[in-house]
Amino acid sequence: VQLQACGGGLVQAGDSLRLSCAASGRPFSSYTMGWFRQTPGKEREFVAAIRWSGGGNTYYADSVKGRFTISRDNAANTVYLQMNSLTPEDTAVYYCSASRRVITSTIRISQYYDHWGQGTLVTVSS
């Protein structure tokens, strides 16, 4: 599956932004989709993930819980990340990812995701 992320940009603290990730290739609905982010010199950090079935269970990093919402539209082959109340600490390159092999205990681990988008930069000014 190929992933194309977009929606990043420069915003002010407190603003909102919605990232989108369009998938093509294999059936999108069979993948768990995740969002990760990375800043220079740091490892890629889990942000959120959504299951492909079972009601689309969602998972969040503690740092974004209550502010970010992940959702998916299987018919449109797209996953979204709605980001509210942004802070400068949210500044990063955001990557969408896909996996058919993650389980609950590994859903936050980037090494278990096999497909990655190119990343979209989010910059939050104070």
N, C-alpha and C. Protein backbone atom coordinates (compact mmCIF):
# COMPACT_ATOMS: atom_id res chain seq x y z
N VAL A 1 0.85 -1.18 0.00
CA VAL A 1 0.00 0.00 0.00
C VAL A 1 0.88 1.23 0.00
N GLN A 2 0.49 2.22 -0.80
CA GLN A 2 1.23 3.49 -0.86
C GLN A 2 0.45 4.55 -0.10
N LEU A 3 1.19 5.39 0.64
CA LEU A 3 0.56 6.39 1.49
C LEU A 3 1.03 7.78 1.11
N GLN A 4 0.11 8.71 1.10
CA GLN A 4 0.42 10.10 0.77
C GLN A 4 -0.21 10.99 1.83
N ALA A 5 0.62 11.60 2.65
CA ALA A 5 0.13 12.47 3.72
C ALA A 5 0.16 13.92 3.28
N CYS A 6 -0.79 14.67 3.79
CA CYS A 6 -0.83 16.10 3.51
C CYS A 6 -1.58 16.81 4.63
N GLY A 7 -1.54 18.14 4.60
CA GLY A 7 -2.29 18.92 5.57
C GLY A 7 -1.45 19.68 6.57
N GLY A 8 -0.14 19.45 6.54
CA GLY A 8 0.73 20.15 7.47
C GLY A 8 0.81 21.62 7.14
N GLY A 9 1.40 22.39 8.05
CA GLY A 9 1.56 23.81 7.81
C GLY A 9 2.03 24.52 9.06
N LEU A 10 2.03 25.84 8.96
CA LEU A 10 2.43 26.69 10.08
C LEU A 10 1.19 27.28 10.74
N VAL A 11 1.04 27.01 12.03
CA VAL A 11 -0.09 27.54 12.78
C VAL A 11 0.40 28.13 14.09
N GLN A 12 -0.50 28.80 14.77
CA GLN A 12 -0.16 29.37 16.08
C GLN A 12 -0.64 28.45 17.19
N ALA A 13 -0.04 28.58 18.33
CA ALA A 13 -0.45 27.80 19.49
C ALA A 13 -1.94 28.01 19.75
N GLY A 14 -2.62 26.90 20.00
CA GLY A 14 -4.06 26.95 20.23
C GLY A 14 -4.89 26.68 19.00
N ASP A 15 -4.27 26.74 17.85
CA ASP A 15 -4.97 26.49 16.59
C ASP A 15 -5.21 25.00 16.37
N SER A 16 -5.96 24.72 15.33
CA SER A 16 -6.25 23.35 14.94
C SER A 16 -5.74 23.10 13.53
N LEU A 17 -5.52 21.82 13.25
CA LEU A 17 -5.05 21.41 11.92
C LEU A 17 -5.53 20.00 11.69
N ARG A 18 -5.85 19.67 10.46
CA ARG A 18 -6.23 18.30 10.15
C ARG A 18 -5.31 17.73 9.10
N LEU A 19 -4.69 16.64 9.44
CA LEU A 19 -3.85 15.92 8.50
C LEU A 19 -4.67 14.82 7.82
N SER A 20 -4.34 14.57 6.57
CA SER A 20 -4.97 13.50 5.82
C SER A 20 -3.90 12.58 5.27
N CYS A 21 -4.27 11.33 5.10
CA CYS A 21 -3.36 10.36 4.51
C CYS A 21 -4.17 9.48 3.57
N ALA A 22 -3.89 9.60 2.30
CA ALA A 22 -4.58 8.81 1.30
C ALA A 22 -3.78 7.57 0.98
N ALA A 23 -4.46 6.44 0.90
CA ALA A 23 -3.81 5.17 0.63
C ALA A 23 -4.22 4.63 -0.72
N SER A 24 -3.31 3.98 -1.36
CA SER A 24 -3.61 3.32 -2.63
C SER A 24 -2.90 1.98 -2.65
N GLY A 25 -3.37 1.10 -3.48
CA GLY A 25 -2.75 -0.22 -3.56
C GLY A 25 -3.66 -1.28 -2.97
N ARG A 26 -3.16 -2.01 -2.02
CA ARG A 26 -3.92 -3.10 -1.43
C ARG A 26 -5.13 -2.58 -0.67
N PRO A 27 -6.10 -3.44 -0.41
CA PRO A 27 -7.31 -3.00 0.30
C PRO A 27 -6.99 -2.27 1.59
N PHE A 28 -7.33 -1.02 1.61
CA PHE A 28 -7.02 -0.15 2.75
C PHE A 28 -7.67 -0.64 4.02
N SER A 29 -8.85 -1.19 3.91
CA SER A 29 -9.64 -1.52 5.08
C SER A 29 -9.04 -2.64 5.91
N SER A 30 -8.04 -3.34 5.39
CA SER A 30 -7.46 -4.44 6.15
C SER A 30 -6.26 -4.02 6.99
N TYR A 31 -5.91 -2.74 6.94
CA TYR A 31 -4.73 -2.25 7.63
C TYR A 31 -5.08 -1.47 8.89
N THR A 32 -4.29 -1.65 9.91
CA THR A 32 -4.27 -0.72 11.02
C THR A 32 -3.47 0.50 10.57
N MET A 33 -4.01 1.68 10.81
CA MET A 33 -3.36 2.90 10.38
C MET A 33 -2.83 3.68 11.59
N GLY A 34 -1.65 4.22 11.43
CA GLY A 34 -1.06 4.95 12.53
C GLY A 34 -0.49 6.28 12.09
N TRP A 35 -0.36 7.18 13.04
CA TRP A 35 0.34 8.44 12.85
C TRP A 35 1.50 8.48 13.84
N PHE A 36 2.65 8.85 13.33
CA PHE A 36 3.83 9.04 14.15
C PHE A 36 4.38 10.43 13.84
N ARG A 37 5.25 10.91 14.70
CA ARG A 37 5.89 12.19 14.43
C ARG A 37 7.36 12.13 14.85
N GLN A 38 8.13 13.02 14.24
CA GLN A 38 9.56 13.01 14.50
C GLN A 38 10.12 14.41 14.42
N THR A 39 11.00 14.71 15.37
CA THR A 39 11.74 15.97 15.35
C THR A 39 13.23 15.65 15.19
N PRO A 40 14.01 16.60 14.74
CA PRO A 40 15.43 16.34 14.48
C PRO A 40 16.15 15.81 15.71
N GLY A 41 16.89 14.74 15.52
CA GLY A 41 17.67 14.16 16.59
C GLY A 41 16.91 13.25 17.51
N LYS A 42 15.64 13.07 17.25
CA LYS A 42 14.83 12.21 18.11
C LYS A 42 14.25 11.06 17.31
N GLU A 43 13.90 10.01 18.03
CA GLU A 43 13.28 8.86 17.38
C GLU A 43 11.83 9.18 17.00
N ARG A 44 11.34 8.41 16.06
CA ARG A 44 9.96 8.57 15.65
C ARG A 44 9.05 8.21 16.82
N GLU A 45 8.07 9.06 17.06
CA GLU A 45 7.21 8.93 18.24
C GLU A 45 5.78 8.60 17.83
N PHE A 46 5.20 7.65 18.52
CA PHE A 46 3.80 7.27 18.27
C PHE A 46 2.88 8.43 18.65
N VAL A 47 1.87 8.65 17.82
CA VAL A 47 0.87 9.68 18.08
C VAL A 47 -0.51 9.05 18.26
N ALA A 48 -0.94 8.28 17.27
CA ALA A 48 -2.28 7.70 17.31
C ALA A 48 -2.37 6.56 16.31
N ALA A 49 -3.33 5.67 16.56
CA ALA A 49 -3.57 4.57 15.64
C ALA A 49 -5.03 4.20 15.68
N ILE A 50 -5.48 3.58 14.60
CA ILE A 50 -6.87 3.15 14.52
C ILE A 50 -6.91 1.79 13.86
N ARG A 51 -7.67 0.88 14.44
CA ARG A 51 -7.83 -0.45 13.91
C ARG A 51 -8.69 -0.43 12.67
N TRP A 52 -8.57 -1.46 11.85
CA TRP A 52 -9.37 -1.53 10.63
C TRP A 52 -10.72 -2.18 10.89
N SER A 53 -10.86 -2.89 11.99
CA SER A 53 -12.12 -3.58 12.24
C SER A 53 -12.46 -3.48 13.72
N GLY A 54 -13.48 -4.18 14.12
CA GLY A 54 -13.85 -4.21 15.53
C GLY A 54 -14.29 -2.86 16.04
N GLY A 55 -14.95 -2.09 15.18
CA GLY A 55 -15.40 -0.78 15.61
C GLY A 55 -14.36 0.29 15.46
N GLY A 56 -13.22 -0.08 14.91
CA GLY A 56 -12.18 0.91 14.69
C GLY A 56 -11.61 1.45 15.98
N ASN A 57 -11.18 0.57 16.86
CA ASN A 57 -10.60 1.01 18.13
C ASN A 57 -9.45 1.98 17.89
N THR A 58 -9.38 2.98 18.75
CA THR A 58 -8.34 3.99 18.61
C THR A 58 -7.39 3.99 19.80
N TYR A 59 -6.17 4.44 19.54
CA TYR A 59 -5.12 4.46 20.55
C TYR A 59 -4.39 5.80 20.41
N TYR A 60 -4.01 6.37 21.54
CA TYR A 60 -3.36 7.67 21.53
C TYR A 60 -2.17 7.71 22.46
N ALA A 61 -1.21 8.51 22.10
CA ALA A 61 -0.13 8.83 23.04
C ALA A 61 -0.71 9.73 24.13
N ASP A 62 -0.19 9.59 25.33
CA ASP A 62 -0.68 10.40 26.44
C ASP A 62 -0.56 11.89 26.15
N SER A 63 0.45 12.26 25.41
CA SER A 63 0.71 13.67 25.15
C SER A 63 -0.32 14.33 24.23
N VAL A 64 -1.10 13.52 23.52
CA VAL A 64 -2.09 14.09 22.60
C VAL A 64 -3.51 13.70 22.95
N LYS A 65 -3.68 12.83 23.92
CA LYS A 65 -5.01 12.36 24.29
C LYS A 65 -5.87 13.53 24.71
N GLY A 66 -7.08 13.56 24.16
CA GLY A 66 -8.00 14.65 24.47
C GLY A 66 -7.87 15.85 23.53
N ARG A 67 -6.78 15.90 22.76
CA ARG A 67 -6.59 17.00 21.82
C ARG A 67 -6.62 16.52 20.37
N PHE A 68 -6.12 15.33 20.12
CA PHE A 68 -6.06 14.78 18.76
C PHE A 68 -7.11 13.68 18.61
N THR A 69 -7.62 13.57 17.39
CA THR A 69 -8.58 12.52 17.08
C THR A 69 -8.19 11.88 15.75
N ILE A 70 -8.04 10.56 15.77
CA ILE A 70 -7.77 9.82 14.55
C ILE A 70 -9.07 9.21 14.06
N SER A 71 -9.25 9.22 12.76
CA SER A 71 -10.44 8.62 12.17
C SER A 71 -10.08 8.11 10.79
N ARG A 72 -10.95 7.29 10.25
CA ARG A 72 -10.69 6.74 8.92
C ARG A 72 -11.97 6.65 8.13
N ASP A 73 -11.82 6.75 6.83
CA ASP A 73 -12.91 6.57 5.89
C ASP A 73 -12.47 5.48 4.93
N ASN A 74 -12.92 4.27 5.19
CA ASN A 74 -12.48 3.14 4.37
C ASN A 74 -12.93 3.28 2.92
N ALA A 75 -14.09 3.87 2.72
CA ALA A 75 -14.59 4.04 1.35
C ALA A 75 -13.70 5.00 0.56
N ALA A 76 -13.12 5.97 1.27
CA ALA A 76 -12.27 6.96 0.62
C ALA A 76 -10.79 6.61 0.73
N ASN A 77 -10.49 5.48 1.36
CA ASN A 77 -9.10 5.07 1.56
C ASN A 77 -8.26 6.16 2.22
N THR A 78 -8.82 6.78 3.22
CA THR A 78 -8.16 7.92 3.85
C THR A 78 -8.24 7.83 5.37
N VAL A 79 -7.16 8.19 6.02
CA VAL A 79 -7.13 8.31 7.46
C VAL A 79 -6.83 9.77 7.80
N TYR A 80 -7.42 10.24 8.87
CA TYR A 80 -7.29 11.64 9.26
C TYR A 80 -6.72 11.75 10.66
N LEU A 81 -6.09 12.87 10.92
CA LEU A 81 -5.67 13.20 12.27
C LEU A 81 -6.09 14.65 12.53
N GLN A 82 -7.14 14.79 13.33
CA GLN A 82 -7.59 16.12 13.71
C GLN A 82 -6.81 16.53 14.95
N MET A 83 -6.14 17.66 14.85
CA MET A 83 -5.28 18.13 15.93
C MET A 83 -5.81 19.47 16.44
N ASN A 84 -6.21 19.48 17.68
CA ASN A 84 -6.74 20.70 18.31
C ASN A 84 -5.82 21.16 19.42
N SER A 85 -5.97 22.41 19.81
CA SER A 85 -5.18 22.98 20.92
C SER A 85 -3.70 22.70 20.74
N LEU A 86 -3.21 22.98 19.57
CA LEU A 86 -1.81 22.69 19.27
C LEU A 86 -0.87 23.55 20.11
N THR A 87 0.25 22.98 20.46
CA THR A 87 1.29 23.66 21.22
C THR A 87 2.61 23.56 20.44
N PRO A 88 3.57 24.40 20.77
CA PRO A 88 4.87 24.31 20.08
C PRO A 88 5.52 22.93 20.21
N GLU A 89 5.18 22.20 21.26
CA GLU A 89 5.74 20.85 21.45
C GLU A 89 5.19 19.86 20.42
N ASP A 90 4.15 20.23 19.73
CA ASP A 90 3.60 19.37 18.67
C ASP A 90 4.32 19.57 17.34
N THR A 91 5.21 20.51 17.28
CA THR A 91 5.97 20.74 16.06
C THR A 91 6.81 19.52 15.70
N ALA A 92 6.61 19.02 14.49
CA ALA A 92 7.30 17.80 14.05
C ALA A 92 6.92 17.50 12.61
N VAL A 93 7.61 16.55 12.04
CA VAL A 93 7.17 15.95 10.79
C VAL A 93 6.26 14.79 11.16
N TYR A 94 5.08 14.79 10.61
CA TYR A 94 4.09 13.76 10.91
C TYR A 94 4.04 12.75 9.77
N TYR A 95 4.08 11.48 10.14
CA TYR A 95 4.07 10.40 9.16
C TYR A 95 2.84 9.52 9.39
N CYS A 96 2.20 9.16 8.31
CA CYS A 96 1.17 8.13 8.43
C CYS A 96 1.79 6.78 8.07
N SER A 97 1.19 5.75 8.61
CA SER A 97 1.76 4.42 8.45
C SER A 97 0.66 3.38 8.44
N ALA A 98 1.01 2.20 7.94
CA ALA A 98 0.03 1.13 7.83
C ALA A 98 0.67 -0.20 8.22
N SER A 99 -0.13 -1.02 8.82
CA SER A 99 0.37 -2.33 9.23
C SER A 99 -0.77 -3.34 9.25
N ARG A 100 -0.43 -4.57 8.87
CA ARG A 100 -1.39 -5.65 8.99
C ARG A 100 -0.98 -6.62 10.09
N ARG A 101 0.11 -6.31 10.80
CA ARG A 101 0.59 -7.28 11.77
C ARG A 101 0.69 -6.75 13.19
N VAL A 102 0.32 -5.50 13.42
CA VAL A 102 0.38 -5.02 14.79
C VAL A 102 -0.71 -5.66 15.63
N ILE A 103 -0.41 -5.83 16.90
CA ILE A 103 -1.39 -6.24 17.88
C ILE A 103 -1.43 -5.15 18.95
N THR A 104 -2.27 -5.30 19.92
CA THR A 104 -2.44 -4.25 20.91
C THR A 104 -1.12 -3.89 21.58
N SER A 105 -0.31 -4.89 21.86
CA SER A 105 0.94 -4.62 22.58
C SER A 105 2.01 -3.97 21.71
N THR A 106 1.82 -3.99 20.39
CA THR A 106 2.84 -3.43 19.50
C THR A 106 2.33 -2.25 18.68
N ILE A 107 1.11 -1.86 18.91
CA ILE A 107 0.49 -0.85 18.05
C ILE A 107 1.18 0.50 18.16
N ARG A 108 1.92 0.74 19.22
CA ARG A 108 2.61 2.02 19.42
C ARG A 108 4.07 1.97 18.98
N ILE A 109 4.49 0.87 18.39
CA ILE A 109 5.89 0.68 18.04
C ILE A 109 6.08 0.80 16.55
N SER A 110 6.90 1.75 16.13
CA SER A 110 7.03 2.06 14.71
C SER A 110 7.58 0.89 13.90
N GLN A 111 8.40 0.06 14.52
CA GLN A 111 9.02 -1.04 13.77
C GLN A 111 8.00 -2.07 13.29
N TYR A 112 6.80 -2.05 13.82
CA TYR A 112 5.78 -2.99 13.42
C TYR A 112 4.90 -2.45 12.30
N TYR A 113 5.22 -1.28 11.80
CA TYR A 113 4.50 -0.71 10.67
C TYR A 113 5.36 -0.89 9.42
N ASP A 114 4.78 -1.38 8.37
CA ASP A 114 5.54 -1.75 7.18
C ASP A 114 5.47 -0.72 6.06
N HIS A 115 4.50 0.17 6.12
CA HIS A 115 4.32 1.12 5.04
C HIS A 115 4.26 2.53 5.63
N TRP A 116 4.95 3.45 4.96
CA TRP A 116 5.05 4.81 5.47
C TRP A 116 4.82 5.83 4.38
N GLY A 117 4.16 6.91 4.75
CA GLY A 117 4.04 8.05 3.86
C GLY A 117 5.29 8.91 3.93
N GLN A 118 5.30 9.98 3.15
CA GLN A 118 6.51 10.78 3.02
C GLN A 118 6.66 11.81 4.15
N GLY A 119 5.66 12.00 4.95
CA GLY A 119 5.74 12.97 6.04
C GLY A 119 5.23 14.34 5.64
N THR A 120 4.62 15.01 6.60
CA THR A 120 4.15 16.36 6.39
C THR A 120 4.52 17.19 7.62
N LEU A 121 5.08 18.36 7.39
CA LEU A 121 5.61 19.17 8.48
C LEU A 121 4.52 20.01 9.13
N VAL A 122 4.47 19.90 10.45
CA VAL A 122 3.59 20.74 11.25
C VAL A 122 4.47 21.62 12.13
N THR A 123 4.27 22.92 12.02
CA THR A 123 5.02 23.87 12.82
C THR A 123 4.04 24.72 13.61
N VAL A 124 4.21 24.72 14.92
CA VAL A 124 3.33 25.48 15.80
C VAL A 124 4.15 26.58 16.47
N SER A 125 3.79 27.81 16.20
CA SER A 125 4.52 28.94 16.78
C SER A 125 3.85 29.37 18.08
N SER A 126 4.66 29.90 18.99
CA SER A 126 4.12 30.33 20.29
C SER A 126 3.63 31.76 20.26
